Amino acid sequence: MKLSKLVTKLFLAIFVIALFINCGGNGETKENETKSSSKKKRVDAPSWFLAPPYAEDALYAVGYAKKDNLQLALNVATNRARDELSRVIGVKVANMIKDFIEEGSVGSGKDKMGQVTEFSQSVSKSITENTLNMTRIDQQEIYELEDGSFEAFVLVKLSLADLSSKVDEIMKNNAAAYAKLQANKAFEDLNKELKSLKGTDPDLRAKEGSTDNP
């Protein structure tokens, strides 16, 4: 009888110890999982920021900023989006002008090379500046974070119809400079090409959104 009670007590003690160990282990596991998950930052961003839209008649670009001031965050994000849009436009236009000048065999001689460079820079600069002025905010979202700072996500849009209407004016302003280089049909062709930019052109696709900006 005494032996039976002793065995029962022994089994009960073993059960309690095993239960305590299991509970302690689970608690530690959960604590480790919590610590691990707290180190990961969940990216809360609009779908249009992660995958900017594109269309035949417009160009889009996105910008992001994290600042202590709401308006500053919005302004910086907007400027970054506009800068990205002007960058892709500027690269595309510069390459188009370069190709047309080379096809027209313009630029032989030191003086003409200088005029070519001046013409290219003038047209590219004018178009990129107008790109900045003609962009409009299409969508925006602002998140207030736990530390009191603000995250701003901005999508800007450039109507290619608006840009096309400006190209005529820009090219007319540079017509005299181009005539000094070589008067031929290339100027008109270049004008038409610049006016026929399409939003589906892969060269004009802005970068996808990133929150790595400071």
N, C-alpha and C. Protein backbone atom coordinates (compact mmCIF):
# COMPACT_ATOMS: atom_id res chain seq x y z
N MET A 1 0.83 -1.20 0.00
CA MET A 1 0.00 0.00 0.00
C MET A 1 0.86 1.25 0.00
N LYS A 2 1.85 1.26 0.91
CA LYS A 2 2.76 2.39 0.98
C LYS A 2 3.55 2.53 -0.32
N LEU A 3 3.92 1.39 -0.89
CA LEU A 3 4.67 1.41 -2.15
C LEU A 3 3.83 2.00 -3.28
N SER A 4 2.55 1.66 -3.25
CA SER A 4 1.64 2.17 -4.28
C SER A 4 1.51 3.68 -4.18
N LYS A 5 1.39 4.20 -2.96
CA LYS A 5 1.29 5.65 -2.76
C LYS A 5 2.57 6.35 -3.19
N LEU A 6 3.70 5.72 -2.89
CA LEU A 6 5.00 6.31 -3.25
C LEU A 6 5.15 6.41 -4.77
N VAL A 7 4.74 5.34 -5.47
CA VAL A 7 4.81 5.33 -6.94
C VAL A 7 3.91 6.41 -7.52
N THR A 8 2.70 6.54 -6.92
CA THR A 8 1.74 7.56 -7.39
C THR A 8 2.32 8.96 -7.23
N LYS A 9 2.91 9.23 -6.08
CA LYS A 9 3.51 10.53 -5.82
C LYS A 9 4.66 10.81 -6.79
N LEU A 10 5.43 9.74 -7.08
CA LEU A 10 6.58 9.89 -7.97
C LEU A 10 6.11 10.26 -9.38
N PHE A 11 5.09 9.53 -9.85
CA PHE A 11 4.53 9.84 -11.19
C PHE A 11 3.96 11.25 -11.25
N LEU A 12 3.29 11.67 -10.16
CA LEU A 12 2.70 13.00 -10.09
C LEU A 12 3.78 14.07 -10.15
N ALA A 13 4.89 13.84 -9.45
CA ALA A 13 6.00 14.80 -9.44
C ALA A 13 6.62 14.92 -10.83
N ILE A 14 6.79 13.76 -11.50
CA ILE A 14 7.35 13.77 -12.85
C ILE A 14 6.44 14.52 -13.82
N PHE A 15 5.12 14.33 -13.68
CA PHE A 15 4.14 14.99 -14.54
C PHE A 15 4.20 16.51 -14.38
N VAL A 16 4.28 16.94 -13.09
CA VAL A 16 4.34 18.39 -12.81
C VAL A 16 5.60 19.01 -13.39
N ILE A 17 6.74 18.34 -13.26
CA ILE A 17 8.01 18.84 -13.78
C ILE A 17 7.97 18.95 -15.30
N ALA A 18 7.42 17.89 -15.94
CA ALA A 18 7.32 17.88 -17.41
C ALA A 18 6.42 19.00 -17.90
N LEU A 19 5.30 19.21 -17.18
CA LEU A 19 4.36 20.27 -17.55
C LEU A 19 5.01 21.64 -17.43
N PHE A 20 5.78 21.85 -16.38
CA PHE A 20 6.46 23.12 -16.15
C PHE A 20 7.48 23.41 -17.25
N ILE A 21 8.23 22.37 -17.62
CA ILE A 21 9.25 22.52 -18.67
C ILE A 21 8.61 22.89 -20.00
N ASN A 22 7.52 22.21 -20.33
CA ASN A 22 6.83 22.47 -21.61
C ASN A 22 6.27 23.89 -21.67
N CYS A 23 5.67 24.31 -20.55
CA CYS A 23 5.10 25.66 -20.52
C CYS A 23 6.19 26.70 -20.64
N GLY A 24 7.29 26.46 -19.93
CA GLY A 24 8.40 27.39 -19.99
C GLY A 24 8.99 27.47 -21.38
N GLY A 25 9.10 26.31 -22.04
CA GLY A 25 9.66 26.27 -23.39
C GLY A 25 8.79 27.02 -24.38
N ASN A 26 7.46 26.82 -24.28
CA ASN A 26 6.55 27.50 -25.20
C ASN A 26 6.60 29.01 -25.02
N GLY A 27 6.69 29.42 -23.74
CA GLY A 27 6.76 30.85 -23.47
C GLY A 27 8.01 31.46 -24.07
N GLU A 28 9.13 30.73 -23.96
CA GLU A 28 10.39 31.23 -24.50
C GLU A 28 10.32 31.30 -26.02
N THR A 29 9.69 30.28 -26.63
CA THR A 29 9.55 30.27 -28.09
C THR A 29 8.73 31.45 -28.56
N LYS A 30 7.59 31.68 -27.86
CA LYS A 30 6.74 32.79 -28.24
C LYS A 30 7.46 34.12 -28.08
N GLU A 31 8.26 34.24 -27.01
CA GLU A 31 9.00 35.46 -26.77
C GLU A 31 10.03 35.70 -27.88
N ASN A 32 10.71 34.62 -28.29
CA ASN A 32 11.69 34.73 -29.37
C ASN A 32 11.02 35.12 -30.68
N GLU A 33 9.83 34.53 -30.92
CA GLU A 33 9.10 34.87 -32.15
C GLU A 33 8.70 36.33 -32.15
N THR A 34 8.27 36.82 -30.97
CA THR A 34 7.87 38.23 -30.86
C THR A 34 9.05 39.15 -31.14
N LYS A 35 10.21 38.82 -30.53
CA LYS A 35 11.41 39.63 -30.75
C LYS A 35 11.82 39.62 -32.21
N SER A 36 11.73 38.45 -32.84
CA SER A 36 12.13 38.32 -34.23
C SER A 36 11.22 39.14 -35.14
N SER A 37 9.89 39.05 -34.86
CA SER A 37 8.95 39.76 -35.71
C SER A 37 9.04 41.26 -35.51
N SER A 38 9.44 41.70 -34.29
CA SER A 38 9.53 43.13 -34.03
C SER A 38 10.68 43.77 -34.80
N LYS A 39 11.66 42.95 -35.18
CA LYS A 39 12.80 43.49 -35.92
C LYS A 39 12.46 43.71 -37.40
N LYS A 40 11.44 43.03 -37.88
CA LYS A 40 11.05 43.15 -39.27
C LYS A 40 10.12 44.35 -39.45
N LYS A 41 10.38 45.13 -40.49
CA LYS A 41 9.54 46.29 -40.77
C LYS A 41 8.57 45.96 -41.89
N ARG A 42 7.29 46.04 -41.58
CA ARG A 42 6.27 45.77 -42.60
C ARG A 42 6.18 46.98 -43.52
N VAL A 43 6.22 46.73 -44.82
CA VAL A 43 6.16 47.82 -45.79
C VAL A 43 4.69 48.12 -46.09
N ASP A 44 4.22 49.26 -45.61
CA ASP A 44 2.88 49.73 -45.91
C ASP A 44 3.01 50.75 -47.03
N ALA A 45 2.66 50.38 -48.23
CA ALA A 45 2.78 51.29 -49.37
C ALA A 45 1.64 51.04 -50.34
N PRO A 46 1.14 52.08 -50.98
CA PRO A 46 0.06 51.91 -51.96
C PRO A 46 0.51 51.02 -53.12
N SER A 47 -0.43 50.32 -53.72
CA SER A 47 -0.11 49.44 -54.85
C SER A 47 0.48 50.23 -56.02
N TRP A 48 -0.01 51.45 -56.23
CA TRP A 48 0.49 52.25 -57.36
C TRP A 48 1.93 52.73 -57.11
N PHE A 49 2.35 52.71 -55.85
CA PHE A 49 3.73 53.09 -55.55
C PHE A 49 4.68 51.95 -55.88
N LEU A 50 4.29 50.75 -55.54
CA LEU A 50 5.14 49.58 -55.79
C LEU A 50 5.16 49.20 -57.26
N ALA A 51 4.09 49.50 -57.97
CA ALA A 51 4.01 49.20 -59.42
C ALA A 51 3.35 50.38 -60.12
N PRO A 52 4.12 51.41 -60.46
CA PRO A 52 3.54 52.61 -61.08
C PRO A 52 2.80 52.29 -62.37
N PRO A 53 1.67 52.93 -62.60
CA PRO A 53 0.90 52.67 -63.82
C PRO A 53 1.61 53.23 -65.05
N TYR A 54 1.18 52.80 -66.22
CA TYR A 54 1.67 53.40 -67.46
C TYR A 54 0.53 53.41 -68.46
N ALA A 55 0.57 54.40 -69.34
CA ALA A 55 -0.48 54.57 -70.33
C ALA A 55 0.12 55.14 -71.61
N GLU A 56 -0.63 55.05 -72.69
CA GLU A 56 -0.16 55.52 -73.98
C GLU A 56 0.03 57.04 -73.98
N ASP A 57 -0.85 57.75 -73.29
CA ASP A 57 -0.88 59.21 -73.39
C ASP A 57 -0.34 59.93 -72.17
N ALA A 58 0.34 59.22 -71.28
CA ALA A 58 0.84 59.87 -70.07
C ALA A 58 2.05 59.13 -69.51
N LEU A 59 2.82 59.86 -68.71
CA LEU A 59 3.96 59.27 -68.01
C LEU A 59 3.74 59.44 -66.51
N TYR A 60 4.19 58.44 -65.74
CA TYR A 60 4.02 58.47 -64.30
C TYR A 60 5.35 58.23 -63.60
N ALA A 61 5.44 58.77 -62.38
CA ALA A 61 6.61 58.50 -61.54
C ALA A 61 6.17 58.62 -60.08
N VAL A 62 6.87 57.92 -59.20
CA VAL A 62 6.51 57.94 -57.78
C VAL A 62 7.65 58.50 -56.95
N GLY A 63 7.28 59.02 -55.78
CA GLY A 63 8.27 59.55 -54.85
C GLY A 63 7.89 59.21 -53.42
N TYR A 64 8.90 59.09 -52.57
CA TYR A 64 8.68 58.74 -51.16
C TYR A 64 9.54 59.62 -50.28
N ALA A 65 9.02 59.96 -49.10
CA ALA A 65 9.82 60.70 -48.12
C ALA A 65 9.29 60.42 -46.72
N LYS A 66 10.19 60.40 -45.77
CA LYS A 66 9.83 60.26 -44.36
C LYS A 66 10.41 61.46 -43.62
N LYS A 67 9.55 62.28 -43.05
CA LYS A 67 9.98 63.50 -42.38
C LYS A 67 9.16 63.72 -41.11
N ASP A 68 9.68 64.58 -40.24
CA ASP A 68 8.97 64.89 -38.99
C ASP A 68 7.78 65.82 -39.24
N ASN A 69 7.82 66.55 -40.35
CA ASN A 69 6.76 67.48 -40.69
C ASN A 69 5.94 66.93 -41.86
N LEU A 70 4.62 66.95 -41.74
CA LEU A 70 3.75 66.36 -42.76
C LEU A 70 3.92 67.05 -44.11
N GLN A 71 3.87 68.38 -44.13
CA GLN A 71 3.96 69.11 -45.39
C GLN A 71 5.33 68.93 -46.05
N LEU A 72 6.37 68.88 -45.22
CA LEU A 72 7.72 68.68 -45.75
C LEU A 72 7.83 67.30 -46.39
N ALA A 73 7.27 66.29 -45.74
CA ALA A 73 7.30 64.93 -46.30
C ALA A 73 6.60 64.90 -47.65
N LEU A 74 5.47 65.58 -47.75
CA LEU A 74 4.72 65.62 -49.01
C LEU A 74 5.50 66.35 -50.09
N ASN A 75 6.09 67.48 -49.73
CA ASN A 75 6.86 68.27 -50.71
C ASN A 75 8.07 67.50 -51.24
N VAL A 76 8.80 66.86 -50.33
CA VAL A 76 10.00 66.12 -50.73
C VAL A 76 9.63 64.93 -51.62
N ALA A 77 8.58 64.21 -51.24
CA ALA A 77 8.15 63.06 -52.04
C ALA A 77 7.72 63.51 -53.44
N THR A 78 7.01 64.63 -53.51
CA THR A 78 6.56 65.16 -54.81
C THR A 78 7.75 65.56 -55.68
N ASN A 79 8.71 66.24 -55.07
CA ASN A 79 9.90 66.68 -55.83
C ASN A 79 10.71 65.49 -56.33
N ARG A 80 10.79 64.44 -55.53
CA ARG A 80 11.52 63.25 -55.96
C ARG A 80 10.84 62.58 -57.14
N ALA A 81 9.52 62.55 -57.12
CA ALA A 81 8.78 61.96 -58.23
C ALA A 81 8.97 62.79 -59.50
N ARG A 82 8.90 64.10 -59.36
CA ARG A 82 9.09 64.99 -60.51
C ARG A 82 10.50 64.90 -61.07
N ASP A 83 11.46 64.81 -60.18
CA ASP A 83 12.86 64.68 -60.63
C ASP A 83 13.07 63.39 -61.41
N GLU A 84 12.44 62.32 -60.95
CA GLU A 84 12.57 61.04 -61.65
C GLU A 84 11.94 61.12 -63.04
N LEU A 85 10.81 61.80 -63.13
CA LEU A 85 10.13 61.94 -64.42
C LEU A 85 10.97 62.78 -65.38
N SER A 86 11.52 63.87 -64.89
CA SER A 86 12.35 64.72 -65.75
C SER A 86 13.64 64.00 -66.15
N ARG A 87 14.12 63.11 -65.27
CA ARG A 87 15.34 62.36 -65.59
C ARG A 87 15.12 61.44 -66.79
N VAL A 88 14.04 60.66 -66.75
CA VAL A 88 13.81 59.71 -67.85
C VAL A 88 13.50 60.45 -69.15
N ILE A 89 12.77 61.57 -69.04
CA ILE A 89 12.48 62.38 -70.23
C ILE A 89 13.77 62.96 -70.79
N GLY A 90 14.61 63.50 -69.91
CA GLY A 90 15.86 64.12 -70.34
C GLY A 90 16.78 63.15 -71.06
N VAL A 91 16.92 61.94 -70.52
CA VAL A 91 17.77 60.92 -71.14
C VAL A 91 17.24 60.54 -72.51
N LYS A 92 15.92 60.33 -72.59
CA LYS A 92 15.31 59.94 -73.86
C LYS A 92 15.48 61.02 -74.92
N VAL A 93 15.21 62.26 -74.56
CA VAL A 93 15.31 63.38 -75.51
C VAL A 93 16.74 63.57 -75.98
N ALA A 94 17.69 63.50 -75.05
CA ALA A 94 19.10 63.67 -75.41
C ALA A 94 19.54 62.60 -76.40
N ASN A 95 19.10 61.37 -76.18
CA ASN A 95 19.47 60.29 -77.10
C ASN A 95 18.81 60.46 -78.47
N MET A 96 17.58 60.94 -78.50
CA MET A 96 16.89 61.17 -79.76
C MET A 96 17.59 62.26 -80.58
N ILE A 97 17.97 63.34 -79.91
CA ILE A 97 18.66 64.44 -80.59
C ILE A 97 20.00 63.96 -81.12
N LYS A 98 20.71 63.20 -80.31
CA LYS A 98 22.01 62.67 -80.72
C LYS A 98 21.87 61.81 -81.98
N ASP A 99 20.87 60.94 -81.99
CA ASP A 99 20.66 60.05 -83.15
C ASP A 99 20.34 60.85 -84.41
N PHE A 100 19.50 61.84 -84.30
CA PHE A 100 19.12 62.63 -85.47
C PHE A 100 20.29 63.44 -86.01
N ILE A 101 21.08 63.98 -85.11
CA ILE A 101 22.23 64.76 -85.55
C ILE A 101 23.25 63.88 -86.25
N GLU A 102 23.45 62.67 -85.72
CA GLU A 102 24.39 61.75 -86.35
C GLU A 102 23.87 61.29 -87.72
N GLU A 103 22.57 61.05 -87.82
CA GLU A 103 21.99 60.64 -89.10
C GLU A 103 22.06 61.75 -90.14
N GLY A 104 22.00 63.00 -89.68
CA GLY A 104 22.07 64.13 -90.59
C GLY A 104 23.49 64.53 -90.91
N SER A 105 24.46 63.79 -90.40
CA SER A 105 25.88 64.07 -90.64
C SER A 105 26.24 65.50 -90.25
N VAL A 106 25.68 65.94 -89.15
CA VAL A 106 25.97 67.29 -88.66
C VAL A 106 27.04 67.19 -87.59
N GLY A 107 27.97 68.12 -87.63
CA GLY A 107 28.95 68.16 -86.57
C GLY A 107 30.39 68.00 -87.01
N SER A 108 30.67 68.12 -88.28
CA SER A 108 32.06 68.05 -88.73
C SER A 108 32.73 69.39 -88.47
N GLY A 109 33.87 69.36 -87.85
CA GLY A 109 34.59 70.60 -87.52
C GLY A 109 34.35 70.99 -86.09
N LYS A 110 35.33 71.69 -85.52
CA LYS A 110 35.27 72.05 -84.10
C LYS A 110 34.12 72.99 -83.79
N ASP A 111 33.92 74.01 -84.67
CA ASP A 111 32.86 74.99 -84.43
C ASP A 111 31.49 74.34 -84.45
N LYS A 112 31.29 73.47 -85.43
CA LYS A 112 29.98 72.81 -85.54
C LYS A 112 29.74 71.86 -84.38
N MET A 113 30.78 71.21 -83.92
CA MET A 113 30.62 70.32 -82.78
C MET A 113 30.17 71.10 -81.56
N GLY A 114 30.71 72.31 -81.39
CA GLY A 114 30.29 73.16 -80.27
C GLY A 114 28.85 73.59 -80.41
N GLN A 115 28.43 73.90 -81.64
CA GLN A 115 27.05 74.28 -81.88
C GLN A 115 26.09 73.11 -81.65
N VAL A 116 26.53 71.92 -82.05
CA VAL A 116 25.73 70.72 -81.84
C VAL A 116 25.49 70.51 -80.35
N THR A 117 26.54 70.62 -79.57
CA THR A 117 26.43 70.43 -78.12
C THR A 117 25.51 71.47 -77.51
N GLU A 118 25.67 72.71 -77.95
CA GLU A 118 24.83 73.79 -77.42
C GLU A 118 23.35 73.57 -77.77
N PHE A 119 23.11 73.18 -79.02
CA PHE A 119 21.74 72.92 -79.46
C PHE A 119 21.12 71.77 -78.66
N SER A 120 21.86 70.70 -78.52
CA SER A 120 21.36 69.52 -77.79
C SER A 120 21.04 69.86 -76.34
N GLN A 121 21.93 70.57 -75.71
CA GLN A 121 21.73 70.93 -74.30
C GLN A 121 20.55 71.88 -74.13
N SER A 122 20.41 72.81 -75.07
CA SER A 122 19.33 73.79 -74.98
C SER A 122 17.96 73.12 -75.10
N VAL A 123 17.81 72.25 -76.10
CA VAL A 123 16.53 71.57 -76.30
C VAL A 123 16.23 70.63 -75.13
N SER A 124 17.22 69.85 -74.72
CA SER A 124 17.02 68.89 -73.62
C SER A 124 16.64 69.61 -72.33
N LYS A 125 17.34 70.70 -72.05
CA LYS A 125 17.07 71.45 -70.82
C LYS A 125 15.67 72.05 -70.85
N SER A 126 15.29 72.62 -72.00
CA SER A 126 13.96 73.24 -72.11
C SER A 126 12.85 72.21 -71.90
N ILE A 127 13.02 71.05 -72.49
CA ILE A 127 11.99 70.02 -72.37
C ILE A 127 11.90 69.48 -70.95
N THR A 128 13.05 69.23 -70.33
CA THR A 128 13.02 68.71 -68.95
C THR A 128 12.46 69.74 -67.98
N GLU A 129 12.76 71.02 -68.19
CA GLU A 129 12.21 72.06 -67.32
C GLU A 129 10.70 72.14 -67.45
N ASN A 130 10.22 72.02 -68.68
CA ASN A 130 8.77 72.04 -68.90
C ASN A 130 8.12 70.79 -68.33
N THR A 131 8.87 69.69 -68.36
CA THR A 131 8.36 68.45 -67.75
C THR A 131 8.08 68.67 -66.27
N LEU A 132 9.00 69.33 -65.58
CA LEU A 132 8.83 69.60 -64.15
C LEU A 132 7.61 70.49 -63.91
N ASN A 133 7.43 71.49 -64.77
CA ASN A 133 6.33 72.45 -64.58
C ASN A 133 4.97 71.85 -64.91
N MET A 134 4.94 70.87 -65.81
CA MET A 134 3.65 70.33 -66.27
C MET A 134 3.19 69.10 -65.51
N THR A 135 4.01 68.57 -64.63
CA THR A 135 3.59 67.39 -63.86
C THR A 135 2.52 67.77 -62.84
N ARG A 136 1.64 66.84 -62.59
CA ARG A 136 0.56 67.04 -61.63
C ARG A 136 0.51 65.85 -60.68
N ILE A 137 0.16 66.12 -59.42
CA ILE A 137 -0.01 65.03 -58.46
C ILE A 137 -1.27 64.25 -58.83
N ASP A 138 -1.11 62.97 -59.08
CA ASP A 138 -2.24 62.12 -59.46
C ASP A 138 -2.83 61.43 -58.22
N GLN A 139 -1.95 60.93 -57.35
CA GLN A 139 -2.41 60.31 -56.11
C GLN A 139 -1.38 60.56 -55.02
N GLN A 140 -1.85 60.54 -53.77
CA GLN A 140 -0.93 60.70 -52.64
C GLN A 140 -1.53 60.04 -51.41
N GLU A 141 -0.65 59.52 -50.58
CA GLU A 141 -1.05 58.94 -49.30
C GLU A 141 -0.01 59.30 -48.26
N ILE A 142 -0.49 59.63 -47.06
CA ILE A 142 0.41 60.01 -45.98
C ILE A 142 0.09 59.16 -44.75
N TYR A 143 1.13 58.57 -44.17
CA TYR A 143 0.96 57.74 -42.97
C TYR A 143 1.67 58.40 -41.80
N GLU A 144 1.00 58.46 -40.66
CA GLU A 144 1.64 58.94 -39.44
C GLU A 144 2.16 57.74 -38.67
N LEU A 145 3.45 57.75 -38.36
CA LEU A 145 4.09 56.63 -37.69
C LEU A 145 4.03 56.79 -36.17
N GLU A 146 4.37 55.71 -35.48
CA GLU A 146 4.30 55.72 -34.02
C GLU A 146 5.27 56.72 -33.40
N ASP A 147 6.38 56.99 -34.08
CA ASP A 147 7.36 57.93 -33.53
C ASP A 147 7.00 59.38 -33.82
N GLY A 148 5.83 59.62 -34.44
CA GLY A 148 5.39 60.98 -34.71
C GLY A 148 5.81 61.53 -36.06
N SER A 149 6.60 60.77 -36.80
CA SER A 149 7.02 61.21 -38.12
C SER A 149 5.97 60.82 -39.16
N PHE A 150 6.18 61.29 -40.39
CA PHE A 150 5.20 61.06 -41.45
C PHE A 150 5.88 60.47 -42.69
N GLU A 151 5.21 59.49 -43.28
CA GLU A 151 5.65 58.91 -44.54
C GLU A 151 4.71 59.39 -45.64
N ALA A 152 5.29 59.92 -46.71
CA ALA A 152 4.47 60.40 -47.82
C ALA A 152 4.78 59.60 -49.08
N PHE A 153 3.74 59.15 -49.75
CA PHE A 153 3.85 58.45 -51.02
C PHE A 153 3.11 59.27 -52.07
N VAL A 154 3.80 59.58 -53.17
CA VAL A 154 3.20 60.46 -54.18
C VAL A 154 3.35 59.85 -55.58
N LEU A 155 2.29 59.96 -56.36
CA LEU A 155 2.31 59.55 -57.77
C LEU A 155 2.05 60.80 -58.61
N VAL A 156 3.01 61.15 -59.48
CA VAL A 156 2.83 62.30 -60.35
C VAL A 156 2.59 61.84 -61.79
N LYS A 157 1.91 62.69 -62.53
CA LYS A 157 1.52 62.36 -63.90
C LYS A 157 1.89 63.50 -64.84
N LEU A 158 2.37 63.14 -66.02
CA LEU A 158 2.65 64.11 -67.07
C LEU A 158 1.84 63.75 -68.30
N SER A 159 0.99 64.66 -68.73
CA SER A 159 0.22 64.44 -69.95
C SER A 159 1.13 64.65 -71.16
N LEU A 160 1.24 63.64 -72.01
CA LEU A 160 2.09 63.76 -73.18
C LEU A 160 1.49 64.71 -74.22
N ALA A 161 0.19 64.94 -74.15
CA ALA A 161 -0.44 65.93 -75.03
C ALA A 161 0.04 67.33 -74.65
N ASP A 162 0.15 67.58 -73.34
CA ASP A 162 0.66 68.87 -72.88
C ASP A 162 2.11 69.06 -73.29
N LEU A 163 2.90 67.99 -73.13
CA LEU A 163 4.30 68.07 -73.51
C LEU A 163 4.45 68.29 -75.01
N SER A 164 3.64 67.61 -75.79
CA SER A 164 3.70 67.73 -77.25
C SER A 164 3.43 69.16 -77.70
N SER A 165 2.48 69.81 -77.04
CA SER A 165 2.15 71.19 -77.41
C SER A 165 3.29 72.14 -77.10
N LYS A 166 4.09 71.79 -76.10
CA LYS A 166 5.24 72.63 -75.73
C LYS A 166 6.44 72.39 -76.64
N VAL A 167 6.53 71.19 -77.20
CA VAL A 167 7.67 70.85 -78.05
C VAL A 167 7.76 71.79 -79.25
N ASP A 168 6.61 72.11 -79.85
CA ASP A 168 6.60 73.03 -81.00
C ASP A 168 7.26 74.36 -80.63
N GLU A 169 6.86 74.88 -79.50
CA GLU A 169 7.41 76.16 -79.04
C GLU A 169 8.91 76.07 -78.78
N ILE A 170 9.31 75.00 -78.13
CA ILE A 170 10.73 74.80 -77.81
C ILE A 170 11.56 74.67 -79.08
N MET A 171 11.07 73.89 -80.01
CA MET A 171 11.82 73.68 -81.25
C MET A 171 11.89 74.95 -82.10
N LYS A 172 10.82 75.73 -82.11
CA LYS A 172 10.85 77.00 -82.84
C LYS A 172 11.89 77.95 -82.26
N ASN A 173 11.99 77.92 -80.93
CA ASN A 173 12.99 78.78 -80.28
C ASN A 173 14.42 78.36 -80.61
N ASN A 174 14.59 77.11 -81.01
CA ASN A 174 15.92 76.60 -81.32
C ASN A 174 16.13 76.38 -82.82
N ALA A 175 15.16 76.78 -83.63
CA ALA A 175 15.24 76.56 -85.07
C ALA A 175 16.43 77.29 -85.69
N ALA A 176 16.66 78.52 -85.26
CA ALA A 176 17.76 79.30 -85.82
C ALA A 176 19.10 78.65 -85.51
N ALA A 177 19.22 78.13 -84.28
CA ALA A 177 20.47 77.48 -83.89
C ALA A 177 20.71 76.24 -84.73
N TYR A 178 19.63 75.50 -85.01
CA TYR A 178 19.79 74.29 -85.80
C TYR A 178 20.11 74.63 -87.25
N ALA A 179 19.50 75.71 -87.77
CA ALA A 179 19.74 76.11 -89.16
C ALA A 179 21.21 76.43 -89.39
N LYS A 180 21.88 76.93 -88.37
CA LYS A 180 23.31 77.24 -88.49
C LYS A 180 24.12 75.96 -88.67
N LEU A 181 23.60 74.86 -88.14
CA LEU A 181 24.33 73.60 -88.25
C LEU A 181 24.15 73.00 -89.64
N GLN A 182 22.91 72.79 -89.99
CA GLN A 182 22.64 72.22 -91.31
C GLN A 182 21.13 72.26 -91.56
N ALA A 183 20.71 73.05 -92.55
CA ALA A 183 19.28 73.19 -92.83
C ALA A 183 18.83 72.01 -93.66
N ASN A 184 18.09 71.11 -93.06
CA ASN A 184 17.55 69.97 -93.79
C ASN A 184 16.29 69.46 -93.10
N LYS A 185 15.75 68.42 -93.63
CA LYS A 185 14.47 67.90 -93.14
C LYS A 185 14.60 67.26 -91.76
N ALA A 186 15.83 67.03 -91.30
CA ALA A 186 16.03 66.36 -90.02
C ALA A 186 15.40 67.13 -88.87
N PHE A 187 15.42 68.45 -88.94
CA PHE A 187 14.84 69.26 -87.86
C PHE A 187 13.34 68.98 -87.73
N GLU A 188 12.64 68.94 -88.86
CA GLU A 188 11.21 68.65 -88.84
C GLU A 188 10.94 67.23 -88.34
N ASP A 189 11.77 66.31 -88.79
CA ASP A 189 11.61 64.92 -88.34
C ASP A 189 11.82 64.79 -86.84
N LEU A 190 12.83 65.50 -86.35
CA LEU A 190 13.11 65.47 -84.92
C LEU A 190 11.94 66.03 -84.14
N ASN A 191 11.38 67.11 -84.64
CA ASN A 191 10.24 67.74 -83.99
C ASN A 191 9.07 66.75 -83.90
N LYS A 192 8.81 66.04 -84.99
CA LYS A 192 7.72 65.06 -85.02
C LYS A 192 7.98 63.93 -84.04
N GLU A 193 9.22 63.48 -83.99
CA GLU A 193 9.56 62.38 -83.07
C GLU A 193 9.38 62.79 -81.61
N LEU A 194 9.81 64.00 -81.29
CA LEU A 194 9.70 64.48 -79.92
C LEU A 194 8.22 64.63 -79.51
N LYS A 195 7.39 64.96 -80.48
CA LYS A 195 5.96 65.15 -80.20
C LYS A 195 5.20 63.82 -80.13
N SER A 196 5.83 62.76 -80.60
CA SER A 196 5.13 61.47 -80.65
C SER A 196 5.58 60.51 -79.56
N LEU A 197 6.13 61.03 -78.48
CA LEU A 197 6.53 60.17 -77.37
C LEU A 197 5.33 59.42 -76.79
N LYS A 198 5.52 58.17 -76.46
CA LYS A 198 4.45 57.33 -75.92
C LYS A 198 4.78 56.87 -74.50
N GLY A 199 3.76 56.83 -73.69
CA GLY A 199 3.96 56.39 -72.31
C GLY A 199 4.32 54.93 -72.18
N THR A 200 4.08 54.17 -73.25
CA THR A 200 4.40 52.74 -73.23
C THR A 200 5.84 52.46 -73.65
N ASP A 201 6.57 53.50 -74.01
CA ASP A 201 7.98 53.34 -74.39
C ASP A 201 8.77 52.87 -73.18
N PRO A 202 9.44 51.71 -73.27
CA PRO A 202 10.18 51.20 -72.10
C PRO A 202 11.28 52.15 -71.62
N ASP A 203 11.80 53.00 -72.51
CA ASP A 203 12.82 53.96 -72.11
C ASP A 203 12.26 55.04 -71.19
N LEU A 204 10.96 55.18 -71.18
CA LEU A 204 10.32 56.24 -70.40
C LEU A 204 9.66 55.72 -69.12
N ARG A 205 9.94 54.47 -68.79
CA ARG A 205 9.38 53.91 -67.57
C ARG A 205 10.22 54.35 -66.37
N ALA A 206 9.60 55.02 -65.44
CA ALA A 206 10.30 55.46 -64.24
C ALA A 206 10.54 54.25 -63.32
N LYS A 207 11.43 54.45 -62.35
CA LYS A 207 11.75 53.37 -61.42
C LYS A 207 10.56 53.05 -60.53
N GLU A 208 10.49 51.78 -60.12
CA GLU A 208 9.45 51.39 -59.17
C GLU A 208 9.75 52.01 -57.81
N GLY A 209 8.71 52.13 -57.01
CA GLY A 209 8.86 52.79 -55.73
C GLY A 209 9.81 52.08 -54.78
N SER A 210 10.53 52.88 -53.99
CA SER A 210 11.44 52.35 -52.98
C SER A 210 11.39 53.25 -51.76
N THR A 211 11.41 52.65 -50.57
CA THR A 211 11.41 53.43 -49.33
C THR A 211 12.82 53.56 -48.78
N ASP A 212 13.82 53.36 -49.62
CA ASP A 212 15.21 53.45 -49.17
C ASP A 212 15.70 54.89 -49.15
N ASN A 213 14.90 55.82 -49.69
CA ASN A 213 15.31 57.23 -49.70
C ASN A 213 15.42 57.74 -48.27
N PRO A 214 16.39 58.62 -48.01
CA PRO A 214 16.54 59.15 -46.65
C PRO A 214 15.40 60.08 -46.28
